[in-house]
PDB file of N, CA and C in Angstrom:
ATOM      1  N   MET A   1       0.819  -1.189   0.000  1.00  0.00           N
ATOM      2  CA  MET A   1       0.000   0.000   0.000  1.00  0.00           C
ATOM      3  C   MET A   1       0.863   1.252   0.000  1.00  0.00           C
ATOM      4  N   ASP A   2       2.109   1.122   0.394  1.00  0.00           N
ATOM      5  CA  ASP A   2       2.985   2.294   0.366  1.00  0.00           C
ATOM      6  C   ASP A   2       3.128   2.831  -1.052  1.00  0.00           C
ATOM      7  N   ALA A   3       3.221   1.931  -2.025  1.00  0.00           N
ATOM      8  CA  ALA A   3       3.338   2.358  -3.419  1.00  0.00           C
ATOM      9  C   ALA A   3       2.093   3.116  -3.852  1.00  0.00           C
ATOM     10  N   ALA A   4       0.925   2.628  -3.451  1.00  0.00           N
ATOM     11  CA  ALA A   4      -0.328   3.308  -3.807  1.00  0.00           C
ATOM     12  C   ALA A   4      -0.384   4.698  -3.191  1.00  0.00           C
ATOM     13  N   ARG A   5       0.049   4.802  -1.951  1.00  0.00           N
ATOM     14  CA  ARG A   5       0.048   6.116  -1.294  1.00  0.00           C
ATOM     15  C   ARG A   5       1.024   7.083  -1.977  1.00  0.00           C
ATOM     16  N   THR A   6       2.165   6.570  -2.428  1.00  0.00           N
ATOM     17  CA  THR A   6       3.138   7.409  -3.136  1.00  0.00           C
ATOM     18  C   THR A   6       2.546   7.904  -4.449  1.00  0.00           C
ATOM     19  N   ILE A   7       1.916   7.011  -5.192  1.00  0.00           N
ATOM     20  CA  ILE A   7       1.288   7.400  -6.462  1.00  0.00           C
ATOM     21  C   ILE A   7       0.173   8.403  -6.207  1.00  0.00           C
ATOM     22  N   LEU A   8      -0.583   8.175  -5.146  1.00  0.00           N
ATOM     23  CA  LEU A   8      -1.663   9.087  -4.780  1.00  0.00           C
ATOM     24  C   LEU A   8      -1.111  10.484  -4.499  1.00  0.00           C
ATOM     25  N   THR A   9      -0.034  10.581  -3.741  1.00  0.00           N
ATOM     26  CA  THR A   9       0.585  11.869  -3.418  1.00  0.00           C
ATOM     27  C   THR A   9       1.105  12.554  -4.677  1.00  0.00           C
ATOM     28  N   GLU A  10       1.773  11.796  -5.549  1.00  0.00           N
ATOM     29  CA  GLU A  10       2.309  12.378  -6.779  1.00  0.00           C
ATOM     30  C   GLU A  10       1.191  12.853  -7.702  1.00  0.00           C
ATOM     31  N   THR A  11       0.127  12.072  -7.779  1.00  0.00           N
ATOM     32  CA  THR A  11      -1.004  12.451  -8.626  1.00  0.00           C
ATOM     33  C   THR A  11      -1.681  13.707  -8.088  1.00  0.00           C
ATOM     34  N   LEU A  12      -1.787  13.820  -6.773  1.00  0.00           N
ATOM     35  CA  LEU A  12      -2.361  15.043  -6.178  1.00  0.00           C
ATOM     36  C   LEU A  12      -1.551  16.271  -6.561  1.00  0.00           C
ATOM     37  N   SER A  13      -0.228  16.145  -6.566  1.00  0.00           N
ATOM     38  CA  SER A  13       0.607  17.302  -6.918  1.00  0.00           C
ATOM     39  C   SER A  13       0.420  17.681  -8.391  1.00  0.00           C
ATOM     40  N   VAL A  14       0.230  16.691  -9.253  1.00  0.00           N
ATOM     41  CA  VAL A  14      -0.033  16.975 -10.670  1.00  0.00           C
ATOM     42  C   VAL A  14      -1.380  17.679 -10.814  1.00  0.00           C
ATOM     43  N   LEU A  15      -2.399  17.171 -10.102  1.00  0.00           N
ATOM     44  CA  LEU A  15      -3.733  17.758 -10.204  1.00  0.00           C
ATOM     45  C   LEU A  15      -3.802  19.172  -9.625  1.00  0.00           C
ATOM     46  N   LYS A  16      -2.927  19.493  -8.678  1.00  0.00           N
ATOM     47  CA  LYS A  16      -2.894  20.863  -8.153  1.00  0.00           C
ATOM     48  C   LYS A  16      -2.452  21.827  -9.247  1.00  0.00           C
ATOM     49  N   ARG A  17      -1.521  21.369 -10.088  1.00  0.00           N
ATOM     50  CA  ARG A  17      -1.019  22.213 -11.165  1.00  0.00           C
ATOM     51  C   ARG A  17      -1.945  22.222 -12.373  1.00  0.00           C
ATOM     52  N   ARG A  18      -2.587  21.085 -12.634  1.00  0.00           N
ATOM     53  CA  ARG A  18      -3.455  20.957 -13.809  1.00  0.00           C
ATOM     54  C   ARG A  18      -4.751  20.258 -13.395  1.00  0.00           C
ATOM     55  N   PRO A  19      -5.681  20.964 -12.782  1.00  0.00           N
ATOM     56  CA  PRO A  19      -6.878  20.356 -12.202  1.00  0.00           C
ATOM     57  C   PRO A  19      -7.882  19.795 -13.212  1.00  0.00           C
ATOM     58  N   GLY A  20      -7.791  20.155 -14.464  1.00  0.00           N
ATOM     59  CA  GLY A  20      -8.787  19.700 -15.433  1.00  0.00           C
ATOM     60  C   GLY A  20      -8.301  18.577 -16.330  1.00  0.00           C
ATOM     61  N   LEU A  21      -7.676  17.567 -15.780  1.00  0.00           N
ATOM     62  CA  LEU A  21      -7.109  16.498 -16.601  1.00  0.00           C
ATOM     63  C   LEU A  21      -8.089  15.345 -16.877  1.00  0.00           C
ATOM     64  N   GLY A  22      -9.334  15.638 -16.950  1.00  0.00           N
ATOM     65  CA  GLY A  22     -10.345  14.680 -17.380  1.00  0.00           C
ATOM     66  C   GLY A  22     -10.416  13.411 -16.562  1.00  0.00           C
ATOM     67  N   LEU A  23     -10.095  12.294 -17.185  1.00  0.00           N
ATOM     68  CA  LEU A  23     -10.220  10.981 -16.552  1.00  0.00           C
ATOM     69  C   LEU A  23      -9.364  10.825 -15.306  1.00  0.00           C
ATOM     70  N   LEU A  24      -8.253  11.509 -15.252  1.00  0.00           N
ATOM     71  CA  LEU A  24      -7.347  11.384 -14.103  1.00  0.00           C
ATOM     72  C   LEU A  24      -8.028  11.789 -12.804  1.00  0.00           C
ATOM     73  N   VAL A  25      -8.919  12.772 -12.876  1.00  0.00           N
ATOM     74  CA  VAL A  25      -9.612  13.235 -11.673  1.00  0.00           C
ATOM     75  C   VAL A  25     -10.471  12.104 -11.108  1.00  0.00           C
ATOM     76  N   GLY A  26     -11.256  11.449 -11.959  1.00  0.00           N
ATOM     77  CA  GLY A  26     -12.092  10.332 -11.514  1.00  0.00           C
ATOM     78  C   GLY A  26     -11.272   9.155 -11.031  1.00  0.00           C
ATOM     79  N   GLN A  27     -10.200   8.848 -11.741  1.00  0.00           N
ATOM     80  CA  GLN A  27      -9.331   7.745 -11.336  1.00  0.00           C
ATOM     81  C   GLN A  27      -8.674   8.045  -9.990  1.00  0.00           C
ATOM     82  N   MET A  28      -8.347   9.283  -9.773  1.00  0.00           N
ATOM     83  CA  MET A  28      -7.738   9.703  -8.513  1.00  0.00           C
ATOM     84  C   MET A  28      -8.716   9.502  -7.354  1.00  0.00           C
ATOM     85  N   ASP A  29      -9.969   9.886  -7.568  1.00  0.00           N
ATOM     86  CA  ASP A  29     -10.984   9.700  -6.533  1.00  0.00           C
ATOM     87  C   ASP A  29     -11.175   8.220  -6.217  1.00  0.00           C
ATOM     88  N   GLU A  30     -11.182   7.384  -7.249  1.00  0.00           N
ATOM     89  CA  GLU A  30     -11.337   5.944  -7.050  1.00  0.00           C
ATOM     90  C   GLU A  30     -10.146   5.374  -6.280  1.00  0.00           C
ATOM     91  N   MET A  31      -8.939   5.795  -6.637  1.00  0.00           N
ATOM     92  CA  MET A  31      -7.753   5.308  -5.938  1.00  0.00           C
ATOM     93  C   MET A  31      -7.758   5.759  -4.484  1.00  0.00           C
ATOM     94  N   ARG A  32      -8.156   6.988  -4.241  1.00  0.00           N
ATOM     95  CA  ARG A  32      -8.230   7.497  -2.870  1.00  0.00           C
ATOM     96  C   ARG A  32      -9.212   6.658  -2.051  1.00  0.00           C
ATOM     97  N   ARG A  33     -10.349   6.309  -2.640  1.00  0.00           N
ATOM     98  CA  ARG A  33     -11.350   5.493  -1.956  1.00  0.00           C
ATOM     99  C   ARG A  33     -10.792   4.114  -1.626  1.00  0.00           C
ATOM    100  N   ARG A  34     -10.087   3.510  -2.568  1.00  0.00           N
ATOM    101  CA  ARG A  34      -9.530   2.172  -2.340  1.00  0.00           C
ATOM    102  C   ARG A  34      -8.438   2.186  -1.280  1.00  0.00           C
ATOM    103  N   VAL A  35      -7.594   3.185  -1.303  1.00  0.00           N
ATOM    104  CA  VAL A  35      -6.535   3.282  -0.288  1.00  0.00           C
ATOM    105  C   VAL A  35      -7.154   3.476   1.084  1.00  0.00           C
ATOM    106  N   ALA A  36      -8.168   4.325   1.172  1.00  0.00           N
ATOM    107  CA  ALA A  36      -8.840   4.557   2.456  1.00  0.00           C
ATOM    108  C   ALA A  36      -9.523   3.286   2.951  1.00  0.00           C
ATOM    109  N   ALA A  37     -10.092   2.503   2.032  1.00  0.00           N
ATOM    110  CA  ALA A  37     -10.790   1.275   2.426  1.00  0.00           C
ATOM    111  C   ALA A  37      -9.839   0.234   2.999  1.00  0.00           C
ATOM    112  N   THR A  38      -8.580   0.285   2.618  1.00  0.00           N
ATOM    113  CA  THR A  38      -7.628  -0.706   3.118  1.00  0.00           C
ATOM    114  C   THR A  38      -6.866  -0.221   4.338  1.00  0.00           C
ATOM    115  N   ALA A  39      -7.214   0.950   4.846  1.00  0.00           N
ATOM    116  CA  ALA A  39      -6.480   1.500   5.987  1.00  0.00           C
ATOM    117  C   ALA A  39      -7.015   1.022   7.330  1.00  0.00           C
ATOM    118  N   GLY A  40      -8.279   0.635   7.393  1.00  0.00           N
ATOM    119  CA  GLY A  40      -8.881   0.258   8.672  1.00  0.00           C
ATOM    120  C   GLY A  40      -8.989  -1.248   8.807  1.00  0.00           C
ATOM    121  N   PRO A  41     -10.070  -1.702   9.463  1.00  0.00           N
ATOM    122  CA  PRO A  41     -10.283  -3.145   9.594  1.00  0.00           C
ATOM    123  C   PRO A  41     -10.317  -3.773   8.204  1.00  0.00           C
ATOM    124  N   GLY A  42      -9.716  -4.914   8.071  1.00  0.00           N
ATOM    125  CA  GLY A  42      -9.653  -5.569   6.769  1.00  0.00           C
ATOM    126  C   GLY A  42      -8.444  -5.150   5.952  1.00  0.00           C
ATOM    127  N   ALA A  43      -7.543  -4.376   6.543  1.00  0.00           N
ATOM    128  CA  ALA A  43      -6.359  -3.942   5.816  1.00  0.00           C
ATOM    129  C   ALA A  43      -5.505  -5.135   5.391  1.00  0.00           C
ATOM    130  N   TRP A  44      -5.710  -6.260   6.046  1.00  0.00           N
ATOM    131  CA  TRP A  44      -4.995  -7.475   5.657  1.00  0.00           C
ATOM    132  C   TRP A  44      -5.407  -7.929   4.266  1.00  0.00           C
ATOM    133  N   ALA A  45      -6.509  -7.433   3.769  1.00  0.00           N
ATOM    134  CA  ALA A  45      -7.021  -7.891   2.472  1.00  0.00           C
ATOM    135  C   ALA A  45      -5.987  -7.729   1.368  1.00  0.00           C
ATOM    136  N   VAL A  46      -5.136  -6.738   1.479  1.00  0.00           N
ATOM    137  CA  VAL A  46      -4.120  -6.559   0.455  1.00  0.00           C
ATOM    138  C   VAL A  46      -3.055  -7.642   0.561  1.00  0.00           C
ATOM    139  N   ASN A  47      -3.093  -8.435   1.617  1.00  0.00           N
ATOM    140  CA  ASN A  47      -2.126  -9.507   1.810  1.00  0.00           C
ATOM    141  C   ASN A  47      -2.699 -10.877   1.476  1.00  0.00           C
ATOM    142  N   LEU A  48      -3.773 -10.929   0.705  1.00  0.00           N
ATOM    143  CA  LEU A  48      -4.298 -12.226   0.301  1.00  0.00           C
ATOM    144  C   LEU A  48      -3.257 -12.931  -0.554  1.00  0.00           C
ATOM    145  N   THR A  49      -3.113 -14.229  -0.328  1.00  0.00           N
ATOM    146  CA  THR A  49      -2.160 -15.009  -1.115  1.00  0.00           C
ATOM    147  C   THR A  49      -2.713 -15.225  -2.523  1.00  0.00           C
ATOM    148  N   ALA A  50      -1.859 -15.683  -3.410  1.00  0.00           N
ATOM    149  CA  ALA A  50      -2.300 -15.981  -4.780  1.00  0.00           C
ATOM    150  C   ALA A  50      -3.408 -17.033  -4.772  1.00  0.00           C
ATOM    151  N   ALA A  51      -3.278 -18.037  -3.907  1.00  0.00           N
ATOM    152  CA  ALA A  51      -4.297 -19.082  -3.819  1.00  0.00           C
ATOM    153  C   ALA A  51      -5.626 -18.504  -3.337  1.00  0.00           C
ATOM    154  N   GLU A  52      -5.576 -17.605  -2.360  1.00  0.00           N
ATOM    155  CA  GLU A  52      -6.796 -16.983  -1.846  1.00  0.00           C
ATOM    156  C   GLU A  52      -7.431 -16.083  -2.901  1.00  0.00           C
ATOM    157  N   LEU A  53      -6.614 -15.352  -3.654  1.00  0.00           N
ATOM    158  CA  LEU A  53      -7.142 -14.512  -4.724  1.00  0.00           C
ATOM    159  C   LEU A  53      -7.772 -15.348  -5.833  1.00  0.00           C
ATOM    160  N   ARG A  54      -7.212 -16.524  -6.081  1.00  0.00           N
ATOM    161  CA  ARG A  54      -7.777 -17.426  -7.079  1.00  0.00           C
ATOM    162  C   ARG A  54      -9.129 -17.960  -6.619  1.00  0.00           C
ATOM    163  N   LEU A  55      -9.270 -18.206  -5.333  1.00  0.00           N
ATOM    164  CA  LEU A  55     -10.506 -18.737  -4.763  1.00  0.00           C
ATOM    165  C   LEU A  55     -11.602 -17.684  -4.637  1.00  0.00           C
ATOM    166  N   LEU A  56     -11.235 -16.461  -4.374  1.00  0.00           N
ATOM    167  CA  LEU A  56     -12.189 -15.404  -4.057  1.00  0.00           C
ATOM    168  C   LEU A  56     -13.355 -15.284  -5.044  1.00  0.00           C
ATOM    169  N   PRO A  57     -13.131 -15.259  -6.360  1.00  0.00           N
ATOM    170  CA  PRO A  57     -14.282 -15.150  -7.275  1.00  0.00           C
ATOM    171  C   PRO A  57     -15.249 -16.330  -7.168  1.00  0.00           C
ATOM    172  N   TYR A  58     -14.752 -17.500  -6.836  1.00  0.00           N
ATOM    173  CA  TYR A  58     -15.626 -18.667  -6.690  1.00  0.00           C
ATOM    174  C   TYR A  58     -16.525 -18.541  -5.466  1.00  0.00           C
ATOM    175  N   LEU A  59     -16.082 -17.810  -4.464  1.00  0.00           N
ATOM    176  CA  LEU A  59     -16.918 -17.617  -3.284  1.00  0.00           C
ATOM    177  C   LEU A  59     -18.156 -16.790  -3.619  1.00  0.00           C
ATOM    178  N   ALA A  60     -18.090 -16.017  -4.702  1.00  0.00           N
ATOM    179  CA  ALA A  60     -19.230 -15.201  -5.119  1.00  0.00           C
ATOM    180  C   ALA A  60     -20.283 -16.021  -5.866  1.00  0.00           C
ATOM    181  N   THR A  61     -20.008 -17.295  -6.092  1.00  0.00           N
ATOM    182  CA  THR A  61     -20.960 -18.163  -6.783  1.00  0.00           C
ATOM    183  C   THR A  61     -21.730 -18.989  -5.764  1.00  0.00           C
ATOM    184  N   TYR A  62     -22.655 -19.787  -6.266  1.00  0.00           N
ATOM    185  CA  TYR A  62     -23.415 -20.683  -5.392  1.00  0.00           C
ATOM    186  C   TYR A  62     -22.798 -22.078  -5.332  1.00  0.00           C
ATOM    187  N   LEU A  63     -21.578 -22.202  -5.809  1.00  0.00           N
ATOM    188  CA  LEU A  63     -20.893 -23.497  -5.761  1.00  0.00           C
ATOM    189  C   LEU A  63     -20.550 -23.859  -4.321  1.00  0.00           C
ATOM    190  N   THR A  64     -20.634 -25.138  -4.012  1.00  0.00           N
ATOM    191  CA  THR A  64     -20.227 -25.620  -2.691  1.00  0.00           C
ATOM    192  C   THR A  64     -18.705 -25.707  -2.657  1.00  0.00           C
ATOM    193  N   PHE A  65     -18.155 -25.860  -1.448  1.00  0.00           N
ATOM    194  CA  PHE A  65     -16.703 -25.993  -1.336  1.00  0.00           C
ATOM    195  C   PHE A  65     -16.179 -27.205  -2.117  1.00  0.00           C
ATOM    196  N   PRO A  66     -16.840 -28.367  -2.060  1.00  0.00           N
ATOM    197  CA  PRO A  66     -16.353 -29.488  -2.878  1.00  0.00           C
ATOM    198  C   PRO A  66     -16.399 -29.187  -4.382  1.00  0.00           C
ATOM    199  N   GLU A  67     -17.431 -28.473  -4.837  1.00  0.00           N
ATOM    200  CA  GLU A  67     -17.525 -28.122  -6.262  1.00  0.00           C
ATOM    201  C   GLU A  67     -16.427 -27.134  -6.657  1.00  0.00           C
ATOM    202  N   ILE A  68     -16.162 -26.177  -5.779  1.00  0.00           N
ATOM    203  CA  ILE A  68     -15.071 -25.229  -6.051  1.00  0.00           C
ATOM    204  C   ILE A  68     -13.746 -25.972  -6.091  1.00  0.00           C
ATOM    205  N   GLY A  69     -13.556 -26.864  -5.132  1.00  0.00           N
ATOM    206  CA  GLY A  69     -12.320 -27.648  -5.090  1.00  0.00           C
ATOM    207  C   GLY A  69     -12.090 -28.428  -6.364  1.00  0.00           C
ATOM    208  N   SER A  70     -13.152 -29.047  -6.893  1.00  0.00           N
ATOM    209  CA  SER A  70     -12.978 -29.838  -8.118  1.00  0.00           C
ATOM    210  C   SER A  70     -12.621 -28.947  -9.301  1.00  0.00           C
ATOM    211  N   ARG A  71     -13.123 -27.732  -9.331  1.00  0.00           N
ATOM    212  CA  ARG A  71     -12.785 -26.813 -10.421  1.00  0.00           C
ATOM    213  C   ARG A  71     -11.359 -26.274 -10.306  1.00  0.00           C
ATOM    214  N   LEU A  72     -10.892 -26.128  -9.074  1.00  0.00           N
ATOM    215  CA  LEU A  72      -9.536 -25.619  -8.856  1.00  0.00           C
ATOM    216  C   LEU A  72      -8.500 -26.733  -8.665  1.00  0.00           C
ATOM    217  N   PHE A  73      -8.985 -27.983  -8.703  1.00  0.00           N
ATOM    218  CA  PHE A  73      -8.108 -29.152  -8.522  1.00  0.00           C
ATOM    219  C   PHE A  73      -7.432 -29.152  -7.150  1.00  0.00           C
ATOM    220  N   ILE A  74      -8.234 -28.798  -6.137  1.00  0.00           N
ATOM    221  CA  ILE A  74      -7.769 -28.852  -4.749  1.00  0.00           C
ATOM    222  C   ILE A  74      -8.849 -29.527  -3.918  1.00  0.00           C
ATOM    223  N   THR A  75      -8.520 -29.933  -2.707  1.00  0.00           N
ATOM    224  CA  THR A  75      -9.507 -30.608  -1.861  1.00  0.00           C
ATOM    225  C   THR A  75     -10.487 -29.602  -1.264  1.00  0.00           C
ATOM    226  N   SER A  76     -11.644 -30.107  -0.860  1.00  0.00           N
ATOM    227  CA  SER A  76     -12.624 -29.226  -0.223  1.00  0.00           C
ATOM    228  C   SER A  76     -12.072 -28.705   1.108  1.00  0.00           C
ATOM    229  N   HIS A  77     -11.220 -29.504   1.759  1.00  0.00           N
ATOM    230  CA  HIS A  77     -10.584 -29.050   2.997  1.00  0.00           C
ATOM    231  C   HIS A  77      -9.701 -27.826   2.727  1.00  0.00           C
ATOM    232  N   THR A  78      -8.957 -27.842   1.625  1.00  0.00           N
ATOM    233  CA  THR A  78      -8.113 -26.702   1.255  1.00  0.00           C
ATOM    234  C   THR A  78      -8.976 -25.486   0.952  1.00  0.00           C
ATOM    235  N   VAL A  79     -10.081 -25.699   0.237  1.00  0.00           N
ATOM    236  CA  VAL A  79     -11.003 -24.590  -0.051  1.00  0.00           C
ATOM    237  C   VAL A  79     -11.501 -23.991   1.259  1.00  0.00           C
ATOM    238  N   ARG A  80     -11.907 -24.849   2.184  1.00  0.00           N
ATOM    239  CA  ARG A  80     -12.444 -24.392   3.469  1.00  0.00           C
ATOM    240  C   ARG A  80     -11.409 -23.582   4.248  1.00  0.00           C
ATOM    241  N   SER A  81     -10.183 -24.082   4.314  1.00  0.00           N
ATOM    242  CA  SER A  81      -9.158 -23.366   5.091  1.00  0.00           C
ATOM    243  C   SER A  81      -8.770 -22.048   4.417  1.00  0.00           C
ATOM    244  N   GLU A  82      -8.704 -22.012   3.079  1.00  0.00           N
ATOM    245  CA  GLU A  82      -8.404 -20.764   2.385  1.00  0.00           C
ATOM    246  C   GLU A  82      -9.557 -19.769   2.546  1.00  0.00           C
ATOM    247  N   ALA A  83     -10.788 -20.275   2.511  1.00  0.00           N
ATOM    248  CA  ALA A  83     -11.957 -19.408   2.693  1.00  0.00           C
ATOM    249  C   ALA A  83     -11.929 -18.782   4.089  1.00  0.00           C
ATOM    250  N   LYS A  84     -11.602 -19.577   5.098  1.00  0.00           N
ATOM    251  CA  LYS A  84     -11.518 -19.042   6.460  1.00  0.00           C
ATOM    252  C   LYS A  84     -10.457 -17.947   6.550  1.00  0.00           C
ATOM    253  N   ALA A  85      -9.337 -18.139   5.869  1.00  0.00           N
ATOM    254  CA  ALA A  85      -8.277 -17.120   5.867  1.00  0.00           C
ATOM    255  C   ALA A  85      -8.774 -15.841   5.178  1.00  0.00           C
ATOM    256  N   ILE A  86      -9.526 -16.009   4.091  1.00  0.00           N
ATOM    257  CA  ILE A  86     -10.091 -14.852   3.395  1.00  0.00           C
ATOM    258  C   ILE A  86     -11.048 -14.104   4.319  1.00  0.00           C
ATOM    259  N   TYR A  87     -11.935 -14.843   4.985  1.00  0.00           N
ATOM    260  CA  TYR A  87     -12.895 -14.214   5.903  1.00  0.00           C
ATOM    261  C   TYR A  87     -12.148 -13.411   6.972  1.00  0.00           C
ATOM    262  N   ARG A  88     -11.111 -14.012   7.539  1.00  0.00           N
ATOM    263  CA  ARG A  88     -10.348 -13.341   8.590  1.00  0.00           C
ATOM    264  C   ARG A  88      -9.697 -12.063   8.053  1.00  0.00           C
ATOM    265  N   LYS A  89      -9.065 -12.171   6.887  1.00  0.00           N
ATOM    266  CA  LYS A  89      -8.364 -11.020   6.321  1.00  0.00           C
ATOM    267  C   LYS A  89      -9.314  -9.919   5.880  1.00  0.00           C
ATOM    268  N   LEU A  90     -10.531 -10.282   5.519  1.00  0.00           N
ATOM    269  CA  LEU A  90     -11.522  -9.284   5.112  1.00  0.00           C
ATOM    270  C   LEU A  90     -12.411  -8.843   6.271  1.00  0.00           C
ATOM    271  N   ASP A  91     -12.115  -9.359   7.458  1.00  0.00           N
ATOM    272  CA  ASP A  91     -12.894  -9.035   8.648  1.00  0.00           C
ATOM    273  C   ASP A  91     -14.372  -9.361   8.429  1.00  0.00           C
ATOM    274  N   ALA A  92     -14.634 -10.558   7.899  1.00  0.00           N
ATOM    275  CA  ALA A  92     -15.987 -11.011   7.585  1.00  0.00           C
ATOM    276  C   ALA A  92     -16.315 -12.265   8.383  1.00  0.00           C
ATOM    277  N   THR A  93     -17.591 -12.461   8.634  1.00  0.00           N
ATOM    278  CA  THR A  93     -18.019 -13.653   9.366  1.00  0.00           C
ATOM    279  C   THR A  93     -18.824 -14.602   8.495  1.00  0.00           C
ATOM    280  N   SER A  94     -19.061 -14.238   7.243  1.00  0.00           N
ATOM    281  CA  SER A  94     -19.812 -15.100   6.342  1.00  0.00           C
ATOM    282  C   SER A  94     -19.298 -14.936   4.918  1.00  0.00           C
ATOM    283  N   ARG A  95     -19.711 -15.847   4.092  1.00  0.00           N
ATOM    284  CA  ARG A  95     -19.319 -15.810   2.682  1.00  0.00           C
ATOM    285  C   ARG A  95     -19.841 -14.530   2.021  1.00  0.00           C
ATOM    286  N   ALA A  96     -21.106 -14.211   2.268  1.00  0.00           N
ATOM    287  CA  ALA A  96     -21.707 -13.009   1.671  1.00  0.00           C
ATOM    288  C   ALA A  96     -21.000 -11.740   2.147  1.00  0.00           C
ATOM    289  N   GLU A  97     -20.678 -11.689   3.411  1.00  0.00           N
ATOM    290  CA  GLU A  97     -19.987 -10.520   3.961  1.00  0.00           C
ATOM    291  C   GLU A  97     -18.583 -10.387   3.362  1.00  0.00           C
ATOM    292  N   ALA A  98     -17.913 -11.503   3.156  1.00  0.00           N
ATOM    293  CA  ALA A  98     -16.577 -11.470   2.546  1.00  0.00           C
ATOM    294  C   ALA A  98     -16.656 -10.933   1.117  1.00  0.00           C
ATOM    295  N   ILE A  99     -17.667 -11.366   0.370  1.00  0.00           N
ATOM    296  CA  ILE A  99     -17.834 -10.891  -1.005  1.00  0.00           C
ATOM    297  C   ILE A  99     -18.145  -9.398  -1.012  1.00  0.00           C
ATOM    298  N   ASP A 100     -19.049  -8.970  -0.130  1.00  0.00           N
ATOM    299  CA  ASP A 100     -19.375  -7.543  -0.044  1.00  0.00           C
ATOM    300  C   ASP A 100     -18.128  -6.715   0.256  1.00  0.00           C
ATOM    301  N   ARG A 101     -17.314  -7.180   1.178  1.00  0.00           N
ATOM    302  CA  ARG A 101     -16.089  -6.472   1.556  1.00  0.00           C
ATOM    303  C   ARG A 101     -15.094  -6.457   0.393  1.00  0.00           C
ATOM    304  N   ALA A 102     -14.975  -7.589  -0.317  1.00  0.00           N
ATOM    305  CA  ALA A 102     -14.063  -7.663  -1.464  1.00  0.00           C
ATOM    306  C   ALA A 102     -14.486  -6.695  -2.563  1.00  0.00           C
ATOM    307  N   VAL A 103     -15.776  -6.557  -2.781  1.00  0.00           N
ATOM    308  CA  VAL A 103     -16.281  -5.597  -3.766  1.00  0.00           C
ATOM    309  C   VAL A 103     -15.997  -4.178  -3.293  1.00  0.00           C
ATOM    310  N   GLU A 104     -16.238  -3.930  -2.018  1.00  0.00           N
ATOM    311  CA  GLU A 104     -16.046  -2.601  -1.429  1.00  0.00           C
ATOM    312  C   GLU A 104     -14.613  -2.103  -1.600  1.00  0.00           C
ATOM    313  N   ILE A 105     -13.637  -2.992  -1.442  1.00  0.00           N
ATOM    314  CA  ILE A 105     -12.240  -2.546  -1.540  1.00  0.00           C
ATOM    315  C   ILE A 105     -11.634  -2.783  -2.919  1.00  0.00           C
ATOM    316  N   GLY A 106     -12.459  -3.262  -3.852  1.00  0.00           N
ATOM    317  CA  GLY A 106     -12.005  -3.365  -5.229  1.00  0.00           C
ATOM    318  C   GLY A 106     -11.335  -4.665  -5.627  1.00  0.00           C
ATOM    319  N   LEU A 107     -11.431  -5.698  -4.796  1.00  0.00           N
ATOM    320  CA  LEU A 107     -10.848  -6.989  -5.163  1.00  0.00           C
ATOM    321  C   LEU A 107     -11.744  -7.757  -6.129  1.00  0.00           C
ATOM    322  N   LEU A 108     -13.047  -7.464  -6.118  1.00  0.00           N
ATOM    323  CA  LEU A 108     -14.007  -8.074  -7.032  1.00  0.00           C
ATOM    324  C   LEU A 108     -14.879  -6.979  -7.629  1.00  0.00           C
ATOM    325  N   GLU A 109     -15.351  -7.226  -8.832  1.00  0.00           N
ATOM    326  CA  GLU A 109     -16.304  -6.315  -9.457  1.00  0.00           C
ATOM    327  C   GLU A 109     -17.693  -6.626  -8.917  1.00  0.00           C
ATOM    328  N   PRO A 110     -18.552  -5.605  -8.759  1.00  0.00           N
ATOM    329  CA  PRO A 110     -19.905  -5.886  -8.285  1.00  0.00           C
ATOM    330  C   PRO A 110     -20.659  -6.722  -9.312  1.00  0.00           C
ATOM    331  N   MET A 111     -21.456  -7.657  -8.836  1.00  0.00           N
ATOM    332  CA  MET A 111     -22.222  -8.512  -9.744  1.00  0.00           C
ATOM    333  C   MET A 111     -23.358  -7.726 -10.391  1.00  0.00           C
ATOM    334  N   PHE A 112     -23.981  -6.842  -9.629  1.00  0.00           N
ATOM    335  CA  PHE A 112     -25.082  -6.041 -10.131  1.00  0.00           C
ATOM    336  C   PHE A 112     -24.784  -4.576  -9.856  1.00  0.00           C
ATOM    337  N   PRO A 113     -24.091  -3.915 -10.797  1.00  0.00           N
ATOM    338  CA  PRO A 113     -23.765  -2.506 -10.572  1.00  0.00           C
ATOM    339  C   PRO A 113     -25.047  -1.698 -10.378  1.00  0.00           C
ATOM    340  N   HIS A 114     -24.927  -0.620  -9.641  1.00  0.00           N
ATOM    341  CA  HIS A 114     -26.085   0.236  -9.408  1.00  0.00           C
ATOM    342  C   HIS A 114     -26.645   0.704 -10.737  1.00  0.00           C
ATOM    343  N   ARG A 115     -27.929   0.553 -10.879  1.00  0.00           N
ATOM    344  CA  ARG A 115     -28.583   0.987 -12.120  1.00  0.00           C
ATOM    345  C   ARG A 115     -29.360   2.254 -11.849  1.00  0.00           C
ATOM    346  N   ALA A 116     -29.437   3.092 -12.866  1.00  0.00           N
ATOM    347  CA  ALA A 116     -30.278   4.280 -12.740  1.00  0.00           C
ATOM    348  C   ALA A 116     -31.722   3.818 -12.679  1.00  0.00           C
ATOM    349  N   SER A 117     -32.506   4.435 -11.832  1.00  0.00           N
ATOM    350  CA  SER A 117     -33.906   4.025 -11.726  1.00  0.00           C
ATOM    351  C   SER A 117     -34.634   4.418 -13.010  1.00  0.00           C
ATOM    352  N   VAL A 118     -35.512   3.549 -13.430  1.00  0.00           N
ATOM    353  CA  VAL A 118     -36.247   3.739 -14.662  1.00  0.00           C
ATOM    354  C   VAL A 118     -37.684   4.085 -14.311  1.00  0.00           C
ATOM    355  N   ALA A 119     -38.158   5.192 -14.835  1.00  0.00           N
ATOM    356  CA  ALA A 119     -39.559   5.579 -14.576  1.00  0.00           C
ATOM    357  C   ALA A 119     -40.486   4.708 -15.408  1.00  0.00           C
ATOM    358  N   VAL A 120     -41.574   4.277 -14.790  1.00  0.00           N
ATOM    359  CA  VAL A 120     -42.536   3.410 -15.489  1.00  0.00           C
ATOM    360  C   VAL A 120     -43.715   4.226 -15.924  1.00  0.00           C
TER     361      VAL A 120
END
């Protein structure tokens, strides 16, 4: 996260000199949000292992641990222990909460992005 904070600081100095740089302004706001999200509880999320990152998208499905294991060629016990580590690192107590937290900090894309309300 130190690298992200350095980039954030450098980008802020550029934006002070040239505030109308289009897409950079929005990207800067998004990066600031992600850095802030990893500063408090769940900051361990940036320390997910490669195996945990590989498993994380499968947790967003309705697959059981044995089904996930067969797709990843690992045992259901390994899936369970990696899932528990993910929950701990994301400060979550359930699969749904872990997914919500992963989306919140940018590790996963939202399944149903907010839609503009449609008048009927």
